[in-house]
């Protein structure tokens, strides 16, 4: 009997050595999964279906990476999902009645004309000679901030720190390789890691938000490696908050 117990114990030790102990990362994702489930069921977020789909994909990717033993990458993907879920909760859905001061303005940004909604006491920042809205760029199929990109972000940080009445929108972009859904997810990840960078540097989360355009807004339409590299970016939009 003792020999049998010893054999079982040895077998368990071998299994733990080979497969490892259950990961604590699974527990870390429980809150993310619950928050995702909550917004999926809540009708007040019905206007955010596309964002919810992206958050769901980010969470599913986190689970897959965890199964592959890539805990660090899984955690990053789950954190990106958390950021997007919080953005959905913060924004909610607009009420049907128009607010005073709501206007739609057409602006030029990164040589692309886009429509920007300006509501109440928020206005787009005019050109500032002291600020260079330089985008940062990413390697193919990656949302890692490179050393070169970090240098650019620190320049942005200097300006943001001196202008506390500025709100920053991080716009995530990709090249056109991959599905539309995947690229929306990747654009969201790129914007989210930039947002987290500035949070870590002390910028208030309330001043920032992330928008993903995926492959929808290329600045170079040539099907070349150089063109692709220009489109894999996070660009910056500044909004000045003025009190009445």
Foldseek 3Di string as FASTA:
>chain_A
DVVVVVVVVVVVVVCCVVPNDDDPLVVVLPVLVVLLVVLVPDVQLVVVVLLSLLLVVLQVVLVVCVVVVNNVVSVLSSLLSVQSSVVSVVVGDDDPDADPPWDWDWDADLNDIDIDIAHDQKAFDDDDPQDDQDWAFDPAPDLDQDPVNVVVLVSVLVVCVVAVQKAKEKEFEAAPPDDQSVQQSSRSSNSSVSLVVVVVVPRDNVRYGYGYPRNPDQSAPDPDPVSRRRGRIITMTMMGGDDD
